[in-house]
Protein backbone atom coordinates (compact mmCIF):
# COMPACT_ATOMS: atom_id res chain seq x y z
CA MET A 1 17.01 3.06 -20.61
CA ALA A 2 14.04 2.18 -18.24
CA PRO A 3 14.18 -0.47 -15.79
CA ALA A 4 12.75 -4.29 -16.38
CA VAL A 5 9.45 -3.07 -14.47
CA ALA A 6 8.75 -0.26 -16.82
CA ALA A 7 9.93 -2.08 -19.80
CA SER A 8 7.43 -4.81 -19.32
CA GLY A 9 4.59 -2.08 -19.41
CA ASP A 10 2.13 -3.58 -17.16
CA ARG A 11 3.72 -2.52 -13.86
CA GLY A 12 1.29 0.55 -13.43
CA LEU A 13 2.39 3.01 -10.71
CA LYS A 14 5.93 1.76 -10.60
CA SER A 15 6.37 2.27 -14.41
CA LEU A 16 4.73 5.62 -14.29
CA VAL A 17 7.22 6.67 -11.24
CA TRP A 18 10.26 5.52 -12.98
CA GLN A 19 9.55 7.22 -16.27
CA LYS A 20 8.84 10.57 -14.12
CA LEU A 21 12.21 10.18 -12.32
CA LYS A 22 13.75 9.31 -15.74
CA THR A 23 12.37 12.53 -17.43
CA SER A 24 12.36 14.98 -14.43
CA VAL A 25 15.74 13.97 -12.98
CA PHE A 26 18.12 11.78 -15.22
CA ASP A 27 17.15 13.16 -18.55
CA ASP A 28 17.41 16.57 -17.22
CA CYS A 29 20.84 16.64 -16.34
CA TRP A 30 22.20 14.00 -18.71
CA LYS A 31 25.41 14.53 -20.60
CA GLU A 32 26.99 11.92 -23.01
CA GLU A 33 29.81 10.01 -21.54
CA GLU A 34 29.51 11.69 -17.95
CA TRP A 35 29.08 9.79 -14.91
CA LYS A 36 27.53 11.07 -11.81
CA ILE A 37 26.99 10.29 -7.97
CA ILE A 38 23.58 10.31 -6.70
CA LEU A 39 22.77 11.30 -2.96
CA LEU A 40 19.58 9.95 -1.41
CA ASP A 41 17.90 10.33 1.96
CA ASP A 42 15.79 7.48 3.64
CA PHE A 43 12.79 8.44 1.76
CA THR A 44 14.17 8.73 -1.67
CA THR A 45 16.42 5.53 -1.19
CA LYS A 46 13.01 3.59 -0.68
CA LEU A 47 11.49 5.31 -3.84
CA LEU A 48 14.39 4.53 -6.13
CA SER A 49 14.20 0.80 -4.68
CA SER A 50 10.65 0.73 -5.45
CA CYS A 51 10.79 1.24 -9.18
CA GLY A 52 14.47 0.75 -10.25
CA LYS A 53 17.64 -1.45 -9.74
CA MET A 54 21.33 -0.37 -9.78
CA THR A 55 21.67 -1.61 -13.40
CA ASP A 56 18.92 1.05 -14.46
CA LEU A 57 21.01 3.81 -12.63
CA LEU A 58 24.36 2.72 -14.62
CA ALA A 59 22.20 2.96 -17.83
CA GLU A 60 21.52 6.40 -16.63
CA GLY A 61 25.11 7.40 -16.17
CA ILE A 62 25.07 6.80 -12.04
CA THR A 63 28.06 4.99 -10.91
CA VAL A 64 27.74 5.63 -6.93
CA VAL A 65 24.54 5.82 -4.78
CA GLU A 66 25.23 7.48 -1.16
CA ASN A 67 23.25 8.36 1.74
CA VAL A 68 23.29 12.22 2.02
CA TYR A 69 23.35 12.08 5.68
CA LYS A 70 26.64 10.14 6.01
CA ASN A 71 30.10 11.21 6.15
CA ARG A 72 31.61 10.55 2.62
CA GLU A 73 34.71 10.77 0.95
CA PRO A 74 35.22 13.88 -1.58
CA VAL A 75 35.08 12.99 -5.13
CA PRO A 76 35.80 16.65 -6.46
CA HIS A 77 35.96 15.80 -10.22
CA MET A 78 32.38 14.38 -10.20
CA LYS A 79 28.99 16.00 -10.35
CA ALA A 80 26.35 14.96 -8.05
CA ILE A 81 22.59 14.61 -8.13
CA TYR A 82 20.69 15.08 -5.03
CA LEU A 83 17.49 13.46 -5.02
CA ILE A 84 16.24 14.33 -1.32
CA THR A 85 12.96 15.26 0.46
CA PRO A 86 12.57 19.11 1.34
CA THR A 87 13.64 18.55 5.10
CA VAL A 88 16.06 20.37 7.42
CA LYS A 89 17.97 17.26 7.79
CA SER A 90 18.45 16.37 4.03
CA VAL A 91 19.05 20.10 2.93
CA GLU A 92 21.71 20.40 5.78
CA GLY A 93 23.39 17.49 4.51
CA LEU A 94 23.81 19.11 1.06
CA ILE A 95 24.75 22.14 2.56
CA CYS A 96 27.67 20.57 4.42
CA ASP A 97 28.99 19.15 1.20
CA PHE A 98 29.79 22.45 -0.02
CA ALA A 99 30.58 24.31 3.25
CA SER A 100 33.39 26.03 1.53
CA LYS A 101 34.78 26.20 -2.23
CA SER A 102 38.01 24.53 -1.27
CA SER A 103 36.47 21.57 0.63
CA SER A 104 33.64 21.05 -1.77
CA LYS A 105 32.88 17.25 -1.94
CA TYR A 106 31.89 17.54 -5.73
CA LYS A 107 32.28 19.49 -8.72
CA ALA A 108 28.48 20.77 -8.82
CA ALA A 109 25.15 19.73 -7.46
CA TYR A 110 21.91 19.15 -9.42
CA VAL A 111 19.23 19.27 -6.69
CA TYR A 112 15.62 17.74 -7.04
CA PHE A 113 13.05 17.88 -4.22
CA THR A 114 10.33 15.28 -4.07
CA ASP A 115 7.92 18.04 -2.93
CA PHE A 116 7.43 21.67 -2.32
CA CYS A 117 10.51 23.18 -0.59
CA ASP A 118 9.28 26.35 1.82
CA ASP A 119 11.02 29.51 1.30
CA LYS A 120 12.89 29.31 4.55
CA LEU A 121 14.76 26.17 3.61
CA PHE A 122 15.28 27.18 0.10
CA ASN A 123 16.74 30.52 1.25
CA ARG A 124 19.00 28.75 3.86
CA MET A 125 20.36 26.60 0.81
CA LYS A 126 20.54 29.46 -1.43
CA SER A 127 22.69 31.60 0.97
CA SER A 128 24.83 28.75 1.93
CA CYS A 129 25.86 26.95 -1.56
CA SER A 130 24.19 28.43 -4.38
CA LYS A 131 27.19 28.65 -6.48
CA ALA A 132 27.60 25.11 -6.59
CA ILE A 133 23.93 24.36 -7.62
CA ARG A 134 23.62 23.90 -11.37
CA ARG A 135 19.77 22.91 -11.15
CA CYS A 136 17.15 23.07 -8.26
CA LYS A 137 13.50 21.56 -8.97
CA GLU A 138 10.57 20.13 -7.17
CA ILE A 139 9.57 16.86 -9.06
CA ASN A 140 6.22 16.10 -7.14
CA ILE A 141 6.80 12.60 -6.19
CA ASN A 142 6.14 12.16 -2.74
CA PHE A 143 4.80 8.70 -2.37
CA LEU A 144 6.02 5.04 -2.72
CA PRO A 145 4.60 2.90 -5.55
CA TYR A 146 4.40 -0.57 -3.57
CA GLU A 147 2.68 -2.31 -6.53
CA SER A 148 1.23 -1.68 -9.78
CA GLN A 149 -1.81 -0.41 -8.39
CA VAL A 150 -0.82 0.23 -4.80
CA PHE A 151 0.69 3.26 -3.15
CA THR A 152 1.88 4.28 0.41
CA LEU A 153 2.83 7.62 2.05
CA ASP A 154 5.26 5.60 4.11
CA VAL A 155 3.97 7.50 7.17
CA PRO A 156 3.08 4.79 9.89
CA ASN A 157 3.33 7.43 12.56
CA ALA A 158 0.14 9.02 10.98
CA PHE A 159 -2.00 6.44 12.76
CA TYR A 160 -1.06 7.70 16.13
CA HIS A 161 -1.47 11.31 15.07
CA CYS A 162 -4.89 10.72 13.73
CA TYR A 163 -6.35 8.62 16.12
CA SER A 164 -4.83 9.04 19.58
CA PRO A 165 -6.99 10.54 22.23
CA SER A 166 -3.55 12.39 23.70
CA PRO A 167 -4.57 15.87 24.35
CA GLU A 168 -0.86 16.95 23.47
CA LYS A 169 -1.13 15.56 19.74
CA THR A 170 -2.44 17.65 16.81
CA ASN A 171 -3.18 16.02 13.67
CA ASP A 172 -3.43 19.39 11.42
CA ALA A 173 0.03 19.40 10.47
CA VAL A 174 -0.09 15.73 9.70
CA LEU A 175 -3.13 16.07 7.55
CA GLU A 176 -1.55 19.01 5.71
CA GLN A 177 1.55 16.88 4.89
CA MET A 178 -0.58 13.77 3.75
CA ALA A 179 -2.68 16.23 1.57
CA GLU A 180 0.61 17.31 -0.15
CA GLN A 181 1.69 13.76 -0.56
CA ILE A 182 -1.64 12.69 -2.24
CA VAL A 183 -1.53 15.74 -4.61
CA THR A 184 2.03 14.60 -5.92
CA LEU A 185 0.36 10.93 -6.62
CA CYS A 186 -2.56 12.79 -8.52
CA ALA A 187 -0.01 14.96 -10.50
CA THR A 188 1.95 11.67 -11.36
CA LEU A 189 -1.32 9.93 -12.36
CA GLU A 190 -1.99 13.24 -14.45
CA GLU A 191 -5.43 13.30 -12.77
CA ASN A 192 -7.39 16.22 -11.14
CA PRO A 193 -10.08 14.02 -9.55
CA GLY A 194 -13.34 14.86 -8.10
CA VAL A 195 -12.68 14.52 -4.22
CA ARG A 196 -15.07 12.57 -1.82
CA TYR A 197 -14.86 11.41 1.60
CA LYS A 198 -16.86 8.87 3.92
CA SER A 199 -18.76 11.20 6.57
CA LYS A 200 -18.87 10.26 10.05
CA PRO A 201 -18.18 8.64 12.47
CA LEU A 202 -14.83 10.83 12.64
CA ASP A 203 -14.01 14.04 10.79
CA ASN A 204 -10.13 13.05 9.90
CA ALA A 205 -11.43 12.03 6.44
CA SER A 206 -13.47 15.23 5.96
CA LYS A 207 -10.55 17.12 6.71
CA LEU A 208 -8.33 15.68 4.60
CA ALA A 209 -10.45 15.72 1.68
CA GLN A 210 -11.14 19.65 2.05
CA LEU A 211 -7.13 20.05 2.19
CA VAL A 212 -6.41 17.88 -0.99
CA GLU A 213 -8.99 19.63 -2.86
CA LYS A 214 -7.77 22.97 -2.06
CA LYS A 215 -4.06 21.81 -2.94
CA LEU A 216 -5.27 20.36 -6.06
CA GLU A 217 -6.68 23.49 -7.11
CA ASN A 218 -3.49 25.45 -6.48
CA PHE A 219 -1.14 22.80 -7.72
CA TYR A 220 -2.98 22.95 -11.16
CA LYS A 221 -3.31 26.55 -11.34
CA ILE A 222 0.48 27.10 -10.99
CA ASP A 223 1.82 24.08 -12.87
CA GLU A 224 2.73 25.61 -16.06
CA ARG A 225 3.67 22.27 -17.81
CA SER A 226 0.28 20.70 -17.18
CA GLN A 227 -2.29 20.68 -19.71
CA ILE A 228 -5.15 19.78 -16.95
CA LYS A 229 -7.44 22.89 -16.13
CA GLY A 230 -10.73 21.31 -14.82
CA LYS A 231 -11.46 18.00 -13.14
CA THR A 232 -10.38 14.61 -15.04
CA HIS A 233 -12.56 11.57 -15.48
CA SER A 234 -11.38 10.20 -11.91
CA GLN A 235 -12.60 10.07 -8.42
CA LEU A 236 -10.64 10.10 -5.27
CA LEU A 237 -12.33 8.64 -2.23
CA ILE A 238 -10.88 9.18 1.25
CA ILE A 239 -11.81 6.91 4.23
CA ASP A 240 -10.97 6.47 8.01
CA ARG A 241 -9.67 3.35 9.04
CA GLY A 242 -12.56 2.57 11.20
CA PHE A 243 -14.83 2.05 8.21
CA ASP A 244 -14.24 -1.85 8.08
CA PRO A 245 -12.57 -3.18 11.14
CA VAL A 246 -13.54 -6.76 10.28
CA SER A 247 -11.22 -7.05 7.23
CA THR A 248 -8.30 -5.97 9.67
CA VAL A 249 -8.43 -8.73 11.96
CA LEU A 250 -9.78 -11.74 10.14
CA HIS A 251 -7.52 -14.51 8.90
CA GLU A 252 -7.41 -14.32 5.10
CA LEU A 253 -6.64 -17.42 2.83
CA THR A 254 -5.59 -15.80 -0.11
CA PHE A 255 -1.86 -16.27 -0.70
CA GLN A 256 -0.12 -12.81 -0.19
CA ALA A 257 -2.52 -11.68 2.76
CA MET A 258 -2.12 -15.09 4.42
CA ALA A 259 1.66 -15.28 4.06
CA TYR A 260 1.97 -11.86 5.45
CA ASP A 261 -0.22 -12.56 8.32
CA LEU A 262 1.03 -16.06 9.53
CA LEU A 263 4.85 -15.92 8.42
CA PRO A 264 7.76 -13.70 9.54
CA ILE A 265 8.13 -11.72 6.08
CA GLU A 266 10.00 -8.61 6.63
CA ASN A 267 10.57 -5.82 4.04
CA ASP A 268 8.86 -8.38 1.53
CA THR A 269 11.70 -10.73 2.07
CA TYR A 270 10.67 -14.50 2.92
CA LYS A 271 13.56 -16.24 4.68
CA GLN A 272 13.93 -20.08 4.28
CA LYS A 273 16.57 -22.52 5.69
CA THR A 274 18.16 -24.68 2.94
CA ASP A 275 18.32 -28.32 3.43
CA GLY A 276 21.79 -29.84 4.70
CA ALA A 277 24.05 -29.84 7.77
CA SER A 278 24.69 -26.10 7.14
CA GLY A 279 21.19 -25.08 7.54
CA LYS A 280 21.84 -21.73 5.78
CA GLU A 281 19.08 -19.14 5.08
CA ARG A 282 18.10 -18.48 1.48
CA GLU A 283 16.20 -15.18 0.96
CA ALA A 284 13.40 -14.54 -1.76
CA ILE A 285 11.91 -11.44 -2.29
CA LEU A 286 8.30 -10.95 -3.00
CA GLU A 287 8.09 -8.58 -5.88
CA GLU A 288 6.25 -7.77 -9.01
CA GLU A 289 9.42 -8.76 -11.26
CA ASP A 290 8.37 -12.28 -10.30
CA ASP A 291 5.70 -12.97 -12.73
CA LEU A 292 4.77 -16.26 -10.84
CA TRP A 293 4.07 -14.23 -7.69
CA VAL A 294 1.91 -11.85 -9.61
CA LYS A 295 0.08 -14.76 -11.01
CA ILE A 296 -0.80 -16.51 -7.78
CA ARG A 297 -0.58 -13.83 -5.06
CA HIS A 298 -4.47 -13.25 -5.03
CA LYS A 299 -5.24 -16.70 -5.42
CA HIS A 300 -6.77 -18.86 -2.67
CA ILE A 301 -4.10 -21.17 -0.91
CA ALA A 302 -6.13 -24.20 -1.95
CA ASN A 303 -5.66 -23.16 -5.51
CA VAL A 304 -1.83 -22.29 -5.29
CA LEU A 305 -1.16 -25.57 -3.67
CA GLU A 306 -2.69 -27.23 -6.67
CA GLU A 307 -1.25 -24.88 -9.44
CA ILE A 308 2.57 -24.62 -8.45
CA PRO A 309 3.20 -28.35 -8.71
CA LYS A 310 1.40 -28.49 -12.27
CA LEU A 311 3.80 -25.48 -13.21
CA MET A 312 7.05 -27.65 -11.78
CA LYS A 313 5.78 -30.41 -14.04
CA GLU A 314 5.36 -28.19 -17.24
CA VAL A 315 8.91 -26.62 -16.80
CA SER A 316 10.38 -30.12 -16.22
CA SER A 317 8.55 -31.56 -19.60
CA LYS A 318 9.68 -28.75 -21.44
CA ARG A 319 13.22 -29.20 -20.27
CA LYS A 320 13.13 -32.85 -21.32
CA ALA A 321 11.60 -31.82 -24.65
CA THR A 322 14.58 -29.62 -25.51
CA GLU A 323 16.84 -32.34 -24.73
CA GLY A 324 15.82 -34.66 -27.44
CA LYS A 325 18.48 -36.34 -29.18
CA LEU A 326 21.87 -35.48 -28.02
CA SER A 327 23.33 -33.65 -30.87
CA LEU A 328 25.65 -30.66 -30.36
CA SER A 329 23.39 -28.21 -31.67
CA ASN A 330 20.69 -29.61 -29.13
CA LEU A 331 23.15 -29.42 -26.48
CA ALA A 332 24.09 -25.85 -27.20
CA GLN A 333 20.40 -25.04 -27.16
CA LEU A 334 19.85 -26.74 -23.85
CA MET A 335 22.68 -25.02 -22.16
CA LYS A 336 21.29 -21.64 -23.32
CA LYS A 337 17.94 -22.52 -21.56
CA MET A 338 19.30 -24.10 -18.47
CA PRO A 339 19.51 -20.72 -16.53
CA TYR A 340 15.87 -20.09 -17.62
CA PHE A 341 14.76 -23.55 -16.26
CA ARG A 342 16.59 -23.11 -13.11
CA LYS A 343 15.23 -19.64 -12.34
CA GLN A 344 11.71 -21.04 -12.92
CA ILE A 345 12.02 -24.04 -10.94
CA THR A 346 13.71 -22.07 -8.13
CA LYS A 347 11.00 -19.43 -8.00
CA GLN A 348 8.35 -22.32 -8.07
CA VAL A 349 10.02 -24.20 -5.08
CA VAL A 350 10.19 -20.72 -3.17
CA HIS A 351 6.29 -20.25 -3.73
CA LEU A 352 5.55 -23.82 -2.88
CA ASN A 353 7.73 -23.42 0.50
CA ILE A 354 5.65 -20.46 1.53
CA ALA A 355 2.43 -22.10 0.65
CA GLU A 356 3.51 -25.21 2.56
CA ASP A 357 4.53 -23.11 5.53
CA CYS A 358 1.19 -21.36 5.70
CA MET A 359 -0.63 -24.52 5.45
CA SER A 360 1.21 -25.91 8.21
CA LYS A 361 0.29 -23.03 10.67
CA PHE A 362 -3.22 -23.33 8.97
CA LYS A 363 -3.81 -27.38 9.72
CA SER A 364 -2.12 -26.78 13.25
CA ASN A 365 -4.24 -23.98 14.67
CA ILE A 366 -5.87 -21.56 12.23
CA GLU A 367 -8.33 -24.12 10.48
CA LYS A 368 -11.15 -24.13 13.37
CA LEU A 369 -10.54 -20.29 14.09
CA CYS A 370 -11.35 -19.50 10.38
CA LYS A 371 -14.88 -21.02 10.91
CA VAL A 372 -15.66 -19.17 13.94
CA GLU A 373 -14.30 -16.08 12.41
CA GLN A 374 -16.38 -16.40 9.38
CA ASP A 375 -19.55 -17.11 11.34
CA LEU A 376 -18.92 -14.08 13.44
CA ALA A 377 -18.01 -11.76 10.60
CA LEU A 378 -20.76 -12.61 8.56
CA GLY A 379 -23.81 -13.29 11.11
CA THR A 380 -24.53 -16.62 9.09
CA ASP A 381 -22.95 -20.20 8.93
CA ALA A 382 -21.71 -21.93 5.74
CA ASP A 383 -25.32 -23.01 5.09
CA GLY A 384 -26.75 -19.60 5.30
CA GLN A 385 -28.16 -20.19 8.61
CA LYS A 386 -28.41 -17.04 10.99
CA VAL A 387 -26.05 -17.12 13.98
CA LYS A 388 -28.40 -16.72 16.98
CA ASP A 389 -26.02 -16.81 19.77
CA SER A 390 -22.48 -15.20 18.96
CA MET A 391 -21.01 -15.97 22.43
CA ARG A 392 -21.54 -19.87 21.98
CA VAL A 393 -19.70 -19.54 18.63
CA LEU A 394 -16.80 -17.71 20.29
CA LEU A 395 -16.40 -19.64 23.52
CA PRO A 396 -14.53 -22.72 21.87
CA VAL A 397 -11.90 -20.19 20.75
CA LEU A 398 -11.37 -18.61 24.12
CA LEU A 399 -11.16 -22.08 25.79
CA ASN A 400 -8.49 -23.42 23.38
CA LYS A 401 -4.92 -23.25 24.92
CA ASN A 402 -3.34 -23.78 21.27
CA HIS A 403 -4.48 -20.21 20.50
CA ASP A 404 -2.25 -17.21 21.27
CA ASN A 405 -3.61 -13.89 22.65
CA TYR A 406 -3.45 -12.20 19.43
CA ASP A 407 -5.86 -14.95 18.20
CA LYS A 408 -8.11 -14.71 21.06
CA ILE A 409 -8.12 -10.88 20.82
CA ARG A 410 -8.99 -11.04 17.00
CA ALA A 411 -12.02 -13.54 17.65
CA ILE A 412 -13.27 -11.35 20.67
CA LEU A 413 -13.16 -8.20 18.40
CA LEU A 414 -15.13 -10.12 15.48
CA TYR A 415 -17.71 -10.90 18.44
CA ILE A 416 -17.74 -7.19 19.39
CA PHE A 417 -18.09 -5.95 15.87
CA SER A 418 -20.86 -8.60 14.96
CA THR A 419 -22.87 -7.39 17.93
CA ASN A 420 -22.09 -3.62 17.24
CA GLY A 421 -20.43 -3.37 20.70
CA THR A 422 -20.83 -4.96 24.05
CA THR A 423 -21.85 -4.01 27.49
CA GLN A 424 -18.88 -2.98 29.99
CA GLU A 425 -19.78 -5.85 32.27
CA ASN A 426 -19.45 -8.25 29.17
CA LEU A 427 -16.23 -6.80 28.03
CA ASP A 428 -14.72 -6.80 31.59
CA LYS A 429 -15.60 -10.51 32.05
CA LEU A 430 -14.20 -11.50 28.53
CA ILE A 431 -10.80 -9.56 29.34
CA GLN A 432 -10.61 -11.22 32.61
CA ASN A 433 -11.58 -14.81 31.94
CA VAL A 434 -9.27 -15.14 28.86
CA GLN A 435 -6.51 -13.18 30.95
CA ILE A 436 -5.62 -10.42 28.64
CA GLU A 437 -5.63 -7.47 31.01
CA ASN A 438 -2.31 -6.35 29.61
CA ASP A 439 -3.19 -6.10 25.97
CA SER A 440 -7.01 -5.19 26.93
CA ASP A 441 -6.13 -1.66 24.95
CA MET A 442 -6.14 -3.74 21.65
CA ILE A 443 -9.86 -3.99 22.22
CA LYS A 444 -10.91 -0.88 23.99
CA ASN A 445 -8.97 1.47 21.76
CA TRP A 446 -10.93 0.76 18.90
CA LYS A 447 -13.40 3.20 20.12
CA TYR A 448 -11.02 5.98 18.92
CA LEU A 449 -11.37 4.89 15.46
CA GLY A 450 -15.10 5.65 15.62
CA VAL A 451 -15.95 1.72 16.35
CA PRO A 452 -18.52 0.83 18.64
CA ILE A 453 -16.99 -1.16 21.50
CA VAL A 454 -19.07 -0.65 24.81
CA THR A 455 -22.66 -0.37 23.97
CA THR A 456 -24.58 2.64 25.12
CA SER A 457 -27.72 3.94 23.79
CA ALA A 458 -26.06 6.56 21.52
CA SER A 459 -23.80 4.02 20.03
CA GLN A 460 -26.39 1.51 18.94
CA GLN A 461 -26.28 1.56 15.46
CA ARG A 462 -27.66 -0.57 12.57
CA ARG A 463 -25.22 -3.08 11.26
CA PRO A 464 -24.52 -1.60 7.65
CA SER A 465 -26.42 -3.60 4.87
CA ARG A 466 -23.90 -5.52 2.56
CA LYS A 467 -24.04 -6.38 -1.15
CA ASP A 468 -25.69 -9.96 -1.54
CA ARG A 469 -22.68 -12.08 -2.71
CA SER A 470 -24.24 -15.51 -2.14
CA SER A 471 -24.20 -16.22 -5.87
CA GLU A 472 -20.42 -15.85 -6.07
CA GLU A 473 -18.22 -18.91 -5.87
CA THR A 474 -16.31 -19.02 -2.65
CA PHE A 475 -14.60 -21.43 -0.15
CA GLU A 476 -16.26 -22.14 2.88
CA LEU A 477 -13.37 -20.54 5.17
CA SER A 478 -13.32 -17.52 2.94
CA ARG A 479 -16.95 -16.22 2.60
CA TRP A 480 -16.23 -12.68 3.85
CA CYS A 481 -15.51 -9.88 1.50
CA PRO A 482 -13.88 -6.70 2.51
CA VAL A 483 -16.15 -3.76 2.75
CA ILE A 484 -13.97 -1.72 0.52
CA LYS A 485 -14.87 -3.74 -2.69
CA ASP A 486 -18.56 -2.77 -2.08
CA ILE A 487 -17.33 0.77 -1.87
CA MET A 488 -15.25 0.60 -5.14
CA GLU A 489 -17.97 -1.18 -7.07
CA ASP A 490 -20.69 1.21 -6.03
CA ALA A 491 -18.47 4.41 -6.81
CA ILE A 492 -17.74 2.84 -10.25
CA GLU A 493 -21.45 2.39 -10.73
CA ASN A 494 -22.50 5.58 -9.19
CA LYS A 495 -24.53 4.10 -6.31
CA LEU A 496 -22.60 5.66 -3.57
CA ASP A 497 -25.22 7.64 -1.36
CA SER A 498 -24.20 11.47 -1.77
CA LYS A 499 -25.18 12.39 1.80
CA GLU A 500 -22.73 9.45 3.07
CA TRP A 501 -20.18 10.34 0.54
CA PRO A 502 -20.26 14.26 0.10
CA TYR A 503 -18.13 15.83 -2.64
CA CYS A 504 -15.53 18.50 -1.77
CA SER A 505 -15.97 19.91 -5.32
CA GLN A 506 -18.36 20.10 -8.09
CA CYS A 507 -18.68 16.23 -9.37
CA PRO A 508 -16.80 15.59 -12.65
CA ALA A 509 -19.39 15.07 -15.18
CA PRO A 510 -18.41 11.44 -15.92
CA TRP A 511 -19.37 10.51 -12.34
CA ASN A 512 -22.30 12.51 -11.65
CA GLY A 513 -24.91 9.80 -12.65
CA THR A 514 -26.85 12.28 -14.98
CA GLY A 515 -25.32 11.14 -18.09
CA ALA A 516 -24.69 14.88 -18.94
CA VAL A 517 -22.35 15.24 -22.01
CA SER A 518 -20.50 18.23 -23.17
CA ALA A 519 -21.75 19.96 -26.14
CA ARG A 520 -18.56 19.20 -27.84
CA HIS A 521 -18.93 15.49 -27.60
CA LYS A 522 -21.85 13.67 -29.33
CA PRO A 523 -23.53 10.96 -26.87
CA LYS A 524 -22.56 7.69 -27.67
CA ALA A 525 -24.80 4.67 -27.75
CA ASN A 526 -23.57 2.93 -24.55
CA TYR A 527 -22.57 5.84 -22.76
CA LEU A 528 -22.37 4.18 -19.33
CA GLU A 529 -19.38 2.28 -20.38
CA ASP A 530 -17.96 5.09 -22.35
CA ARG A 531 -18.45 7.93 -20.01
CA LYS A 532 -15.78 6.10 -17.72
CA SER A 533 -13.30 4.86 -20.34
CA GLY A 534 -9.88 5.29 -19.20
CA SER A 535 -10.90 6.59 -15.81
CA LYS A 536 -9.52 6.18 -12.62
CA LEU A 537 -10.88 5.51 -9.06
CA ILE A 538 -8.28 6.21 -6.43
CA VAL A 539 -9.05 5.32 -2.72
CA PHE A 540 -7.25 6.31 0.26
CA VAL A 541 -7.38 4.83 3.58
CA ILE A 542 -6.18 7.00 6.67
CA GLY A 543 -4.41 4.66 9.02
CA GLY A 544 -3.31 1.31 6.94
CA ILE A 545 -4.61 -0.81 4.32
CA THR A 546 -4.84 -4.73 4.31
CA TYR A 547 -3.52 -6.99 1.79
CA SER A 548 -6.95 -8.18 1.17
CA GLU A 549 -8.14 -4.71 0.54
CA MET A 550 -5.25 -4.36 -1.89
CA ARG A 551 -6.57 -7.49 -3.76
CA CYS A 552 -9.82 -5.93 -4.14
CA ALA A 553 -8.46 -2.89 -6.24
CA TYR A 554 -7.09 -5.75 -8.75
CA GLU A 555 -10.37 -7.69 -8.88
CA VAL A 556 -12.52 -4.79 -9.35
CA SER A 557 -10.33 -3.35 -12.09
CA GLN A 558 -10.45 -6.68 -13.66
CA ALA A 559 -14.31 -6.71 -13.44
CA PHE A 560 -14.72 -3.04 -14.65
CA LYS A 561 -12.28 -3.16 -17.45
CA SER A 562 -13.00 0.72 -18.43
CA CYS A 563 -11.83 1.90 -15.02
CA GLU A 564 -8.66 1.40 -13.00
CA VAL A 565 -8.64 1.31 -9.20
CA VAL A 566 -5.44 2.48 -7.39
CA ILE A 567 -5.42 2.05 -3.63
CA GLY A 568 -3.21 3.59 -1.27
CA SER A 569 -2.62 4.52 2.52
CA THR A 570 -0.27 5.97 5.01
CA HIS A 571 1.05 2.38 5.28
CA ILE A 572 0.29 -1.51 5.01
CA VAL A 573 -0.79 -3.23 8.03
CA THR A 574 -0.95 -6.81 8.91
CA PRO A 575 -3.58 -7.74 11.84
CA ARG A 576 -0.68 -8.24 14.45
CA ARG A 577 0.76 -4.86 13.50
CA LEU A 578 -2.72 -2.93 13.57
CA LEU A 579 -3.33 -4.42 17.04
CA ASP A 580 -0.02 -3.28 18.38
CA ASP A 581 -0.72 0.44 16.94
CA ILE A 582 -4.28 0.43 18.37
CA LYS A 583 -2.81 -0.51 21.79
CA ALA A 584 -0.07 2.16 21.65
CA LEU A 585 -2.97 4.94 20.97
CA THR A 586 -3.09 5.39 24.60
CA VAL A 587 0.64 5.36 25.34
CA THR A 588 1.99 8.82 25.81
CA LYS A 589 4.66 9.56 23.18
CA SER A 590 7.77 11.58 23.68
CA LYS A 591 7.36 15.15 22.75
CA ASP A 592 10.10 14.99 20.18
CA MET A 593 8.49 12.12 18.24
CA VAL A 594 8.07 13.64 14.48
CA TYR A 595 5.42 12.66 12.17
CA PHE A 596 7.56 12.90 9.05
CA LYS A 597 10.31 10.66 8.06
CA ASP A 598 13.28 12.89 8.49
CA GLU A 599 12.25 16.21 9.52
């Protein structure tokens, strides 16, 4: 039985991953009326949590979920499923469970690796506990489906390894691992995309793209079950994080991005204090099973504050309508519907609380900041007049004692981005006057992402031209549009410059802009629309994506209905988290710091 997310049919990646887990793991070792235990490591715990619930596992005959690293009581009469990453730590956990026949923790082991298990590790397992293992397979799911159109590799450490100037660090192994993870995403989507990358200013995207292309070719060559032999109607774009620094530091006013920026939401959980003397905390998880969250997460905060009270009135009036005359049958109907009404009202109250929390922060400090930020980011004010003196726009923010250092640093960065770098003298003055010497690396270290900070003749570049969106309806304080949206639209319309966006392989026919059609297929009248029917655009950013960039994937998919956009990254960032990561680029890490989760 598939979980609720899959049952609804519109949860995209989450449904796909659950169905693949069901087919590759649970159906593979299914036996009528036989209960099993499942052993997970840290990564696979997140993987299962991202697409299913305990009730779904029960439906698949799983009664107990255990951590493979921890010491456990033996259950020798039960069989165990090991869904684990192919790492030394996880495999050692498996071997320990079957150290000897007399002390085996379980009756038998069904082993499923998320990804390719190397020969050394496989042979170690084979020599230690092969008699206990009934199945051993690689299922090729080494990414987390965060939302229906968003995935992460769950490797925040990759940011340091890819961008730190430290001479000790090497990013080759990191890129290799990331490439393998991206291939498992393509395999889950059943796509063999044409791979492109953003050339310059860094070479991470180029290296990763070459690796992905090579591994895709090898994967589909040896994957006997796959029907895919050539390139499918899809594109994969790989980009370094420095391609759009503005969207990472700007204050966003769409609901999801604003809430994660301004409120202490951790692990997608919002905590609120309930009324009353006890002051207990109530938790609300922001997830796609909540239809209201899905409906409003990408809307502007002003629209959200309008919409939720309307919905509350609607539910309230529906409840009153069901009451009617108090007959026994009406009363029975009302009792049945009460949990539904209560659940709806509770969700609406939670989202209203989040929106009101956001607005209280906005009104106290952020509103004035937003106007400055928008003017600096766009180089024009709300009336379309060009900003002549960026420093004059910035100064009120720096002089305002109510703004914390993070907000001042975000504004300084937007000023520097707007002028495509500043002089060393000017930068030193800004840091000194605002007294942010201890956090100055949050500004200076952007250079390691290929973003001009200190101007020299070599780094003087023209500001890239942007799509004209002046005709689009926007709020005055939300005029900026993330660069990634331009890229997505241009990719779908075949407008990306091939010098700026080289291919690693032969371009798939549907995307080559020539309109060439296979001889087996008759040309259709509206070829431009037809050629991308059912195609996918996958965008991968090395070093984190923002919530506003995630929103763009949904907006572009909605506008170009024949092409679905899927966006992913090493991890998801908020402005504060990214600034902390940037500051840490020049901090020497201990030599035992590993890239992968549980190596």
